[in-house]
Amino acid sequence: MNIVSAIVVYVITWWVVLFMVLPWGVKPPEHVEEGHASSAPDRPRLLLKFGITTAVAAVIWLIIYVLVISDVFSFRDWAATIER
């Protein structure tokens, strides 16, 4: 896996994990202020969610990287069998 492929896989993994982490701990406020949506979260805690996303995406990316580098699962062999 070259550096560009590794970065692309990490970015895609990061975004998928972000969308899984975003709903964690979200609850609407008890008292809605005028001009705010009633469904808007009270404390979204985005920096914490970005940190969790980065850590989880790094672990998932590392697993993908090890699988690709170690040839436990060869994508090239798998693609060759599909072409036939």
PDB file of N, CA and C in Angstrom:
ATOM      1  N   MET A   1       0.852  -1.157   0.000  1.00  0.00           N
ATOM      2  CA  MET A   1       0.000   0.000   0.000  1.00  0.00           C
ATOM      3  C   MET A   1       0.906   1.229   0.000  1.00  0.00           C
ATOM      4  N   ASN A   2       0.721   2.074  -0.999  1.00  0.00           N
ATOM      5  CA  ASN A   2       1.543   3.286  -1.040  1.00  0.00           C
ATOM      6  C   ASN A   2       0.939   4.363  -0.134  1.00  0.00           C
ATOM      7  N   ILE A   3       1.631   5.473   0.002  1.00  0.00           N
ATOM      8  CA  ILE A   3       1.237   6.516   0.948  1.00  0.00           C
ATOM      9  C   ILE A   3      -0.097   7.148   0.585  1.00  0.00           C
ATOM     10  N   VAL A   4      -0.346   7.328  -0.700  1.00  0.00           N
ATOM     11  CA  VAL A   4      -1.611   7.933  -1.130  1.00  0.00           C
ATOM     12  C   VAL A   4      -2.777   7.012  -0.793  1.00  0.00           C
ATOM     13  N   SER A   5      -2.630   5.734  -1.085  1.00  0.00           N
ATOM     14  CA  SER A   5      -3.678   4.766  -0.760  1.00  0.00           C
ATOM     15  C   SER A   5      -3.911   4.701   0.743  1.00  0.00           C
ATOM     16  N   ALA A   6      -2.852   4.744   1.512  1.00  0.00           N
ATOM     17  CA  ALA A   6      -2.983   4.692   2.965  1.00  0.00           C
ATOM     18  C   ALA A   6      -3.744   5.906   3.488  1.00  0.00           C
ATOM     19  N   ILE A   7      -3.453   7.073   2.951  1.00  0.00           N
ATOM     20  CA  ILE A   7      -4.147   8.292   3.383  1.00  0.00           C
ATOM     21  C   ILE A   7      -5.619   8.239   2.985  1.00  0.00           C
ATOM     22  N   VAL A   8      -5.898   7.803   1.777  1.00  0.00           N
ATOM     23  CA  VAL A   8      -7.285   7.715   1.313  1.00  0.00           C
ATOM     24  C   VAL A   8      -8.078   6.729   2.170  1.00  0.00           C
ATOM     25  N   VAL A   9      -7.500   5.583   2.480  1.00  0.00           N
ATOM     26  CA  VAL A   9      -8.182   4.599   3.322  1.00  0.00           C
ATOM     27  C   VAL A   9      -8.432   5.172   4.710  1.00  0.00           C
ATOM     28  N   TYR A  10      -7.462   5.895   5.255  1.00  0.00           N
ATOM     29  CA  TYR A  10      -7.642   6.486   6.585  1.00  0.00           C
ATOM     30  C   TYR A  10      -8.740   7.547   6.576  1.00  0.00           C
ATOM     31  N   VAL A  11      -8.751   8.407   5.574  1.00  0.00           N
ATOM     32  CA  VAL A  11      -9.757   9.470   5.510  1.00  0.00           C
ATOM     33  C   VAL A  11     -11.157   8.877   5.381  1.00  0.00           C
ATOM     34  N   ILE A  12     -11.318   7.886   4.538  1.00  0.00           N
ATOM     35  CA  ILE A  12     -12.626   7.246   4.387  1.00  0.00           C
ATOM     36  C   ILE A  12     -13.036   6.559   5.686  1.00  0.00           C
ATOM     37  N   THR A  13     -12.104   5.875   6.319  1.00  0.00           N
ATOM     38  CA  THR A  13     -12.383   5.228   7.597  1.00  0.00           C
ATOM     39  C   THR A  13     -12.750   6.254   8.652  1.00  0.00           C
ATOM     40  N   TRP A  14     -12.044   7.374   8.683  1.00  0.00           N
ATOM     41  CA  TRP A  14     -12.317   8.426   9.668  1.00  0.00           C
ATOM     42  C   TRP A  14     -13.733   8.954   9.517  1.00  0.00           C
ATOM     43  N   TRP A  15     -14.150   9.218   8.282  1.00  0.00           N
ATOM     44  CA  TRP A  15     -15.505   9.755   8.063  1.00  0.00           C
ATOM     45  C   TRP A  15     -16.576   8.742   8.433  1.00  0.00           C
ATOM     46  N   VAL A  16     -16.369   7.487   8.108  1.00  0.00           N
ATOM     47  CA  VAL A  16     -17.364   6.465   8.466  1.00  0.00           C
ATOM     48  C   VAL A  16     -17.486   6.367   9.981  1.00  0.00           C
ATOM     49  N   VAL A  17     -16.363   6.355  10.675  1.00  0.00           N
ATOM     50  CA  VAL A  17     -16.377   6.282  12.138  1.00  0.00           C
ATOM     51  C   VAL A  17     -17.003   7.547  12.723  1.00  0.00           C
ATOM     52  N   LEU A  18     -16.735   8.712  12.147  1.00  0.00           N
ATOM     53  CA  LEU A  18     -17.331   9.949  12.642  1.00  0.00           C
ATOM     54  C   LEU A  18     -18.856   9.865  12.621  1.00  0.00           C
ATOM     55  N   PHE A  19     -19.411   9.378  11.532  1.00  0.00           N
ATOM     56  CA  PHE A  19     -20.868   9.287  11.452  1.00  0.00           C
ATOM     57  C   PHE A  19     -21.439   8.246  12.410  1.00  0.00           C
ATOM     58  N   MET A  20     -20.624   7.294  12.839  1.00  0.00           N
ATOM     59  CA  MET A  20     -21.073   6.350  13.862  1.00  0.00           C
ATOM     60  C   MET A  20     -20.976   6.970  15.260  1.00  0.00           C
ATOM     61  N   VAL A  21     -20.014   7.856  15.477  1.00  0.00           N
ATOM     62  CA  VAL A  21     -19.778   8.440  16.796  1.00  0.00           C
ATOM     63  C   VAL A  21     -20.659   9.663  17.055  1.00  0.00           C
ATOM     64  N   LEU A  22     -21.065  10.390  16.039  1.00  0.00           N
ATOM     65  CA  LEU A  22     -21.815  11.629  16.224  1.00  0.00           C
ATOM     66  C   LEU A  22     -23.061  11.500  17.109  1.00  0.00           C
ATOM     67  N   PRO A  23     -23.850  10.448  17.009  1.00  0.00           N
ATOM     68  CA  PRO A  23     -25.058  10.385  17.850  1.00  0.00           C
ATOM     69  C   PRO A  23     -24.800  10.064  19.329  1.00  0.00           C
ATOM     70  N   TRP A  24     -23.612   9.692  19.705  1.00  0.00           N
ATOM     71  CA  TRP A  24     -23.330   9.308  21.090  1.00  0.00           C
ATOM     72  C   TRP A  24     -23.582  10.469  22.044  1.00  0.00           C
ATOM     73  N   GLY A  25     -24.395  10.246  23.054  1.00  0.00           N
ATOM     74  CA  GLY A  25     -24.620  11.231  24.106  1.00  0.00           C
ATOM     75  C   GLY A  25     -25.395  12.462  23.693  1.00  0.00           C
ATOM     76  N   VAL A  26     -26.072  12.425  22.576  1.00  0.00           N
ATOM     77  CA  VAL A  26     -26.820  13.589  22.118  1.00  0.00           C
ATOM     78  C   VAL A  26     -28.210  13.565  22.754  1.00  0.00           C
ATOM     79  N   LYS A  27     -28.557  14.678  23.375  1.00  0.00           N
ATOM     80  CA  LYS A  27     -29.910  14.822  23.910  1.00  0.00           C
ATOM     81  C   LYS A  27     -30.329  16.276  23.738  1.00  0.00           C
ATOM     82  N   PRO A  28     -31.598  16.496  23.460  1.00  0.00           N
ATOM     83  CA  PRO A  28     -32.064  17.877  23.268  1.00  0.00           C
ATOM     84  C   PRO A  28     -32.092  18.624  24.603  1.00  0.00           C
ATOM     85  N   PRO A  29     -32.017  19.944  24.544  1.00  0.00           N
ATOM     86  CA  PRO A  29     -32.040  20.722  25.784  1.00  0.00           C
ATOM     87  C   PRO A  29     -33.415  20.674  26.447  1.00  0.00           C
ATOM     88  N   GLU A  30     -33.437  20.869  27.754  1.00  0.00           N
ATOM     89  CA  GLU A  30     -34.709  20.895  28.476  1.00  0.00           C
ATOM     90  C   GLU A  30     -35.489  22.168  28.155  1.00  0.00           C
ATOM     91  N   HIS A  31     -34.776  23.276  28.055  1.00  0.00           N
ATOM     92  CA  HIS A  31     -35.413  24.558  27.761  1.00  0.00           C
ATOM     93  C   HIS A  31     -34.841  25.077  26.449  1.00  0.00           C
ATOM     94  N   VAL A  32     -35.671  25.119  25.431  1.00  0.00           N
ATOM     95  CA  VAL A  32     -35.230  25.553  24.107  1.00  0.00           C
ATOM     96  C   VAL A  32     -35.243  27.077  24.054  1.00  0.00           C
ATOM     97  N   GLU A  33     -34.122  27.644  23.660  1.00  0.00           N
ATOM     98  CA  GLU A  33     -34.043  29.095  23.519  1.00  0.00           C
ATOM     99  C   GLU A  33     -34.713  29.519  22.224  1.00  0.00           C
ATOM    100  N   GLU A  34     -35.200  30.740  22.221  1.00  0.00           N
ATOM    101  CA  GLU A  34     -35.879  31.254  21.045  1.00  0.00           C
ATOM    102  C   GLU A  34     -34.894  31.351  19.880  1.00  0.00           C
ATOM    103  N   GLY A  35     -35.295  30.871  18.725  1.00  0.00           N
ATOM    104  CA  GLY A  35     -34.449  30.900  17.539  1.00  0.00           C
ATOM    105  C   GLY A  35     -33.632  29.637  17.342  1.00  0.00           C
ATOM    106  N   HIS A  36     -33.650  28.717  18.305  1.00  0.00           N
ATOM    107  CA  HIS A  36     -32.908  27.458  18.193  1.00  0.00           C
ATOM    108  C   HIS A  36     -33.865  26.336  17.831  1.00  0.00           C
ATOM    109  N   ALA A  37     -33.384  25.372  17.093  1.00  0.00           N
ATOM    110  CA  ALA A  37     -34.198  24.205  16.761  1.00  0.00           C
ATOM    111  C   ALA A  37     -34.397  23.367  18.019  1.00  0.00           C
ATOM    112  N   SER A  38     -35.574  22.809  18.171  1.00  0.00           N
ATOM    113  CA  SER A  38     -35.850  22.015  19.371  1.00  0.00           C
ATOM    114  C   SER A  38     -35.067  20.700  19.372  1.00  0.00           C
ATOM    115  N   SER A  39     -34.621  20.282  18.215  1.00  0.00           N
ATOM    116  CA  SER A  39     -33.872  19.023  18.120  1.00  0.00           C
ATOM    117  C   SER A  39     -32.362  19.219  18.195  1.00  0.00           C
ATOM    118  N   ALA A  40     -31.906  20.470  18.299  1.00  0.00           N
ATOM    119  CA  ALA A  40     -30.466  20.736  18.367  1.00  0.00           C
ATOM    120  C   ALA A  40     -29.907  20.213  19.684  1.00  0.00           C
ATOM    121  N   PRO A  41     -28.749  19.546  19.659  1.00  0.00           N
ATOM    122  CA  PRO A  41     -28.201  18.996  20.897  1.00  0.00           C
ATOM    123  C   PRO A  41     -27.790  20.094  21.872  1.00  0.00           C
ATOM    124  N   ASP A  42     -27.933  19.782  23.161  1.00  0.00           N
ATOM    125  CA  ASP A  42     -27.590  20.730  24.206  1.00  0.00           C
ATOM    126  C   ASP A  42     -26.080  20.947  24.262  1.00  0.00           C
ATOM    127  N   ARG A  43     -25.312  19.865  24.340  1.00  0.00           N
ATOM    128  CA  ARG A  43     -23.842  19.918  24.360  1.00  0.00           C
ATOM    129  C   ARG A  43     -23.328  18.889  23.350  1.00  0.00           C
ATOM    130  N   PRO A  44     -22.996  19.293  22.136  1.00  0.00           N
ATOM    131  CA  PRO A  44     -22.586  18.312  21.132  1.00  0.00           C
ATOM    132  C   PRO A  44     -21.228  17.665  21.401  1.00  0.00           C
ATOM    133  N   ARG A  45     -20.326  18.329  22.143  1.00  0.00           N
ATOM    134  CA  ARG A  45     -18.999  17.803  22.500  1.00  0.00           C
ATOM    135  C   ARG A  45     -18.236  17.294  21.272  1.00  0.00           C
ATOM    136  N   LEU A  46     -18.139  18.147  20.267  1.00  0.00           N
ATOM    137  CA  LEU A  46     -17.529  17.752  18.998  1.00  0.00           C
ATOM    138  C   LEU A  46     -16.043  17.441  19.113  1.00  0.00           C
ATOM    139  N   LEU A  47     -15.304  18.196  19.909  1.00  0.00           N
ATOM    140  CA  LEU A  47     -13.866  17.918  20.026  1.00  0.00           C
ATOM    141  C   LEU A  47     -13.611  16.530  20.622  1.00  0.00           C
ATOM    142  N   LEU A  48     -14.401  16.145  21.612  1.00  0.00           N
ATOM    143  CA  LEU A  48     -14.280  14.807  22.183  1.00  0.00           C
ATOM    144  C   LEU A  48     -14.617  13.747  21.139  1.00  0.00           C
ATOM    145  N   LYS A  49     -15.668  13.994  20.378  1.00  0.00           N
ATOM    146  CA  LYS A  49     -16.061  13.045  19.338  1.00  0.00           C
ATOM    147  C   LYS A  49     -15.011  12.955  18.226  1.00  0.00           C
ATOM    148  N   PHE A  50     -14.379  14.075  17.887  1.00  0.00           N
ATOM    149  CA  PHE A  50     -13.306  14.040  16.890  1.00  0.00           C
ATOM    150  C   PHE A  50     -12.113  13.239  17.406  1.00  0.00           C
ATOM    151  N   GLY A  51     -11.800  13.390  18.681  1.00  0.00           N
ATOM    152  CA  GLY A  51     -10.697  12.618  19.274  1.00  0.00           C
ATOM    153  C   GLY A  51     -10.987  11.130  19.289  1.00  0.00           C
ATOM    154  N   ILE A  52     -12.194  10.761  19.689  1.00  0.00           N
ATOM    155  CA  ILE A  52     -12.589   9.354  19.690  1.00  0.00           C
ATOM    156  C   ILE A  52     -12.560   8.804  18.274  1.00  0.00           C
ATOM    157  N   THR A  53     -13.069   9.596  17.335  1.00  0.00           N
ATOM    158  CA  THR A  53     -13.084   9.179  15.928  1.00  0.00           C
ATOM    159  C   THR A  53     -11.671   8.943  15.420  1.00  0.00           C
ATOM    160  N   THR A  54     -10.754   9.832  15.746  1.00  0.00           N
ATOM    161  CA  THR A  54      -9.375   9.700  15.295  1.00  0.00           C
ATOM    162  C   THR A  54      -8.732   8.440  15.855  1.00  0.00           C
ATOM    163  N   ALA A  55      -8.959   8.167  17.130  1.00  0.00           N
ATOM    164  CA  ALA A  55      -8.366   6.975  17.754  1.00  0.00           C
ATOM    165  C   ALA A  55      -8.954   5.688  17.186  1.00  0.00           C
ATOM    166  N   VAL A  56     -10.266   5.619  17.067  1.00  0.00           N
ATOM    167  CA  VAL A  56     -10.904   4.406  16.541  1.00  0.00           C
ATOM    168  C   VAL A  56     -10.536   4.196  15.078  1.00  0.00           C
ATOM    169  N   ALA A  57     -10.513   5.274  14.288  1.00  0.00           N
ATOM    170  CA  ALA A  57     -10.144   5.159  12.873  1.00  0.00           C
ATOM    171  C   ALA A  57      -8.698   4.707  12.723  1.00  0.00           C
ATOM    172  N   ALA A  58      -7.820   5.151  13.616  1.00  0.00           N
ATOM    173  CA  ALA A  58      -6.415   4.726  13.554  1.00  0.00           C
ATOM    174  C   ALA A  58      -6.289   3.227  13.819  1.00  0.00           C
ATOM    175  N   VAL A  59      -7.046   2.712  14.776  1.00  0.00           N
ATOM    176  CA  VAL A  59      -7.002   1.270  15.068  1.00  0.00           C
ATOM    177  C   VAL A  59      -7.545   0.473  13.883  1.00  0.00           C
ATOM    178  N   ILE A  60      -8.669   0.902  13.334  1.00  0.00           N
ATOM    179  CA  ILE A  60      -9.250   0.201  12.183  1.00  0.00           C
ATOM    180  C   ILE A  60      -8.307   0.272  10.990  1.00  0.00           C
ATOM    181  N   TRP A  61      -7.711   1.453  10.762  1.00  0.00           N
ATOM    182  CA  TRP A  61      -6.764   1.603   9.651  1.00  0.00           C
ATOM    183  C   TRP A  61      -5.559   0.690   9.842  1.00  0.00           C
ATOM    184  N   LEU A  62      -5.071   0.576  11.060  1.00  0.00           N
ATOM    185  CA  LEU A  62      -3.928  -0.288  11.331  1.00  0.00           C
ATOM    186  C   LEU A  62      -4.263  -1.747  11.022  1.00  0.00           C
ATOM    187  N   ILE A  63      -5.456  -2.184  11.366  1.00  0.00           N
ATOM    188  CA  ILE A  63      -5.882  -3.547  11.050  1.00  0.00           C
ATOM    189  C   ILE A  63      -5.940  -3.747   9.539  1.00  0.00           C
ATOM    190  N   ILE A  64      -6.512  -2.785   8.821  1.00  0.00           N
ATOM    191  CA  ILE A  64      -6.567  -2.877   7.351  1.00  0.00           C
ATOM    192  C   ILE A  64      -5.162  -2.895   6.771  1.00  0.00           C
ATOM    193  N   TYR A  65      -4.286  -2.042   7.283  1.00  0.00           N
ATOM    194  CA  TYR A  65      -2.914  -1.959   6.787  1.00  0.00           C
ATOM    195  C   TYR A  65      -2.174  -3.287   6.985  1.00  0.00           C
ATOM    196  N   VAL A  66      -2.326  -3.878   8.158  1.00  0.00           N
ATOM    197  CA  VAL A  66      -1.657  -5.156   8.441  1.00  0.00           C
ATOM    198  C   VAL A  66      -2.196  -6.247   7.518  1.00  0.00           C
ATOM    199  N   LEU A  67      -3.498  -6.270   7.283  1.00  0.00           N
ATOM    200  CA  LEU A  67      -4.071  -7.266   6.383  1.00  0.00           C
ATOM    201  C   LEU A  67      -3.541  -7.110   4.962  1.00  0.00           C
ATOM    202  N   VAL A  68      -3.406  -5.879   4.500  1.00  0.00           N
ATOM    203  CA  VAL A  68      -2.930  -5.647   3.132  1.00  0.00           C
ATOM    204  C   VAL A  68      -1.450  -5.983   3.013  1.00  0.00           C
ATOM    205  N   ILE A  69      -0.641  -5.559   3.963  1.00  0.00           N
ATOM    206  CA  ILE A  69       0.805  -5.775   3.901  1.00  0.00           C
ATOM    207  C   ILE A  69       1.182  -7.239   4.105  1.00  0.00           C
ATOM    208  N   SER A  70       0.495  -7.933   4.998  1.00  0.00           N
ATOM    209  CA  SER A  70       0.886  -9.304   5.326  1.00  0.00           C
ATOM    210  C   SER A  70       0.412 -10.338   4.310  1.00  0.00           C
ATOM    211  N   ASP A  71      -0.391  -9.950   3.361  1.00  0.00           N
ATOM    212  CA  ASP A  71      -0.938 -10.855   2.339  1.00  0.00           C
ATOM    213  C   ASP A  71      -1.746 -11.992   2.945  1.00  0.00           C
ATOM    214  N   VAL A  72      -2.319 -11.772   4.109  1.00  0.00           N
ATOM    215  CA  VAL A  72      -3.247 -12.754   4.678  1.00  0.00           C
ATOM    216  C   VAL A  72      -4.445 -12.869   3.753  1.00  0.00           C
ATOM    217  N   PHE A  73      -4.867 -11.749   3.258  1.00  0.00           N
ATOM    218  CA  PHE A  73      -5.960 -11.682   2.303  1.00  0.00           C
ATOM    219  C   PHE A  73      -5.442 -10.889   1.119  1.00  0.00           C
ATOM    220  N   SER A  74      -5.205 -11.570   0.003  1.00  0.00           N
ATOM    221  CA  SER A  74      -4.620 -10.914  -1.161  1.00  0.00           C
ATOM    222  C   SER A  74      -5.721 -10.367  -2.065  1.00  0.00           C
ATOM    223  N   PHE A  75      -5.793  -9.052  -2.148  1.00  0.00           N
ATOM    224  CA  PHE A  75      -6.788  -8.422  -2.999  1.00  0.00           C
ATOM    225  C   PHE A  75      -6.499  -8.681  -4.476  1.00  0.00           C
ATOM    226  N   ARG A  76      -5.228  -8.799  -4.825  1.00  0.00           N
ATOM    227  CA  ARG A  76      -4.866  -9.053  -6.221  1.00  0.00           C
ATOM    228  C   ARG A  76      -5.297 -10.455  -6.658  1.00  0.00           C
ATOM    229  N   ASP A  77      -5.088 -11.444  -5.795  1.00  0.00           N
ATOM    230  CA  ASP A  77      -5.539 -12.800  -6.126  1.00  0.00           C
ATOM    231  C   ASP A  77      -7.061 -12.860  -6.212  1.00  0.00           C
ATOM    232  N   TRP A  78      -7.734 -12.166  -5.303  1.00  0.00           N
ATOM    233  CA  TRP A  78      -9.181 -12.149  -5.291  1.00  0.00           C
ATOM    234  C   TRP A  78      -9.716 -11.502  -6.574  1.00  0.00           C
ATOM    235  N   ALA A  79      -9.088 -10.412  -7.017  1.00  0.00           N
ATOM    236  CA  ALA A  79      -9.497  -9.734  -8.239  1.00  0.00           C
ATOM    237  C   ALA A  79      -9.223 -10.595  -9.461  1.00  0.00           C
ATOM    238  N   ALA A  80      -8.137 -11.364  -9.431  1.00  0.00           N
ATOM    239  CA  ALA A  80      -7.814 -12.244 -10.567  1.00  0.00           C
ATOM    240  C   ALA A  80      -8.849 -13.353 -10.719  1.00  0.00           C
ATOM    241  N   THR A  81      -9.368 -13.851  -9.607  1.00  0.00           N
ATOM    242  CA  THR A  81     -10.375 -14.912  -9.696  1.00  0.00           C
ATOM    243  C   THR A  81     -11.710 -14.367 -10.214  1.00  0.00           C
ATOM    244  N   ILE A  82     -11.971 -13.124  -9.976  1.00  0.00           N
ATOM    245  CA  ILE A  82     -13.236 -12.522 -10.461  1.00  0.00           C
ATOM    246  C   ILE A  82     -13.176 -12.311 -11.958  1.00  0.00           C
ATOM    247  N   GLU A  83     -11.998 -11.952 -12.490  1.00  0.00           N
ATOM    248  CA  GLU A  83     -11.852 -11.674 -13.920  1.00  0.00           C
ATOM    249  C   GLU A  83     -12.056 -12.906 -14.774  1.00  0.00           C
ATOM    250  N   ARG A  84     -11.818 -14.085 -14.219  1.00  0.00           N
ATOM    251  CA  ARG A  84     -11.935 -15.303 -15.021  1.00  0.00           C
ATOM    252  C   ARG A  84     -13.315 -15.709 -15.237  1.00  0.00           C
TER     253      ARG A  84
END
